[in-house]
Amino acid sequence: MGLAAEREPKRSPHRCDCGQAFDVCYLDDRRDPSRDGDPVTVDVSCPGCGRSRTFTVPIGAERTVTVEASESEHEDLVDEGGGG
């Protein structure tokens, strides 16, 4: 079984200033001791307005980041960077 099969998918819900809810998704493989370093920053764009935002993810996960529009109506969504 390869390393990719051991990665755990993560979703971090956010809401842009434009009102669009979205999830920052990535694969987390921090079970690998070589991946336990400091988090790294990634730039993603809001799927609604295209505004660029910066988020933190575990080292190694920056290669797997995707953004998905969400239909979530939760008010407890993070509205600024810092997911992870």
Protein backbone atom coordinates (compact mmCIF):
# COMPACT_ATOMS: atom_id res chain seq x y z
CA MET A 1 0.00 0.00 0.00
CA GLY A 2 1.49 3.35 -1.02
CA LEU A 3 1.83 6.51 1.03
CA ALA A 4 -1.05 8.18 -0.83
CA ALA A 5 -3.44 5.49 0.43
CA GLU A 6 -2.45 6.33 4.05
CA ARG A 7 -3.26 10.03 3.82
CA GLU A 8 -6.27 11.27 5.73
CA PRO A 9 -8.54 13.72 3.87
CA LYS A 10 -9.24 16.96 5.78
CA ARG A 11 -11.81 19.71 5.12
CA SER A 12 -11.61 23.15 6.69
CA PRO A 13 -14.78 25.27 6.30
CA HIS A 14 -14.44 29.01 5.62
CA ARG A 15 -16.54 31.95 4.43
CA CYS A 16 -15.27 34.76 2.23
CA ASP A 17 -16.19 38.42 2.76
CA CYS A 18 -18.37 38.07 -0.37
CA GLY A 19 -20.53 35.55 1.52
CA GLN A 20 -19.40 32.41 -0.34
CA ALA A 21 -18.90 29.40 1.93
CA PHE A 22 -16.13 27.06 0.84
CA ASP A 23 -13.98 24.20 2.09
CA VAL A 24 -10.20 24.12 1.89
CA CYS A 25 -9.47 20.40 1.35
CA TYR A 26 -6.12 18.61 1.62
CA LEU A 27 -4.58 15.24 2.39
CA ASP A 28 -2.89 15.02 5.78
CA ASP A 29 -0.07 12.49 6.17
CA ARG A 30 1.42 13.74 9.43
CA ARG A 31 1.66 10.14 10.66
CA ASP A 32 4.92 10.13 8.71
CA PRO A 33 7.57 11.56 11.12
CA SER A 34 9.27 13.36 8.23
CA ARG A 35 6.05 15.42 7.81
CA ASP A 36 5.89 16.72 11.40
CA GLY A 37 7.60 20.05 10.68
CA ASP A 38 6.16 23.53 10.88
CA PRO A 39 2.99 24.24 8.88
CA VAL A 40 3.31 25.94 5.51
CA THR A 41 1.20 28.67 3.94
CA VAL A 42 -0.77 28.30 0.72
CA ASP A 43 -2.74 30.82 -1.31
CA VAL A 44 -6.22 29.80 -2.44
CA SER A 45 -8.94 31.69 -4.28
CA CYS A 46 -12.56 32.06 -3.23
CA PRO A 47 -14.73 30.06 -5.67
CA GLY A 48 -17.30 32.86 -5.63
CA CYS A 49 -15.34 36.07 -6.19
CA GLY A 50 -11.78 34.87 -6.85
CA ARG A 51 -10.30 36.81 -3.92
CA SER A 52 -6.97 35.31 -2.87
CA ARG A 53 -6.57 34.16 0.73
CA THR A 54 -3.71 32.60 2.66
CA PHE A 55 -4.12 29.47 4.79
CA THR A 56 -1.79 27.20 6.72
CA VAL A 57 -1.66 23.45 6.19
CA PRO A 58 0.67 20.71 7.45
CA ILE A 59 3.97 20.41 5.59
CA GLY A 60 3.53 18.14 2.56
CA ALA A 61 -0.20 18.87 2.30
CA GLU A 62 0.41 21.99 0.19
CA ARG A 63 0.69 19.77 -2.89
CA THR A 64 -2.83 18.40 -2.38
CA VAL A 65 -4.87 21.54 -1.58
CA THR A 66 -8.18 22.02 -3.40
CA VAL A 67 -11.03 24.48 -2.81
CA GLU A 68 -14.67 23.39 -3.04
CA ALA A 69 -17.72 25.65 -2.87
CA SER A 70 -19.93 24.72 0.05
CA GLU A 71 -23.65 25.04 0.61
CA SER A 72 -23.08 25.19 4.38
CA GLU A 73 -25.08 27.72 6.34
CA HIS A 74 -23.07 27.34 9.56
CA GLU A 75 -22.34 30.67 11.24
CA ASP A 76 -19.29 29.27 13.06
CA LEU A 77 -17.16 29.15 9.92
CA VAL A 78 -13.69 30.63 10.04
CA ASP A 79 -13.78 33.90 8.11
CA GLU A 80 -10.06 34.60 7.86
CA GLY A 81 -7.00 32.48 7.04
CA GLY A 82 -5.42 30.08 9.46
CA GLY A 83 -7.17 26.82 8.66
CA GLY A 84 -5.38 23.58 9.08
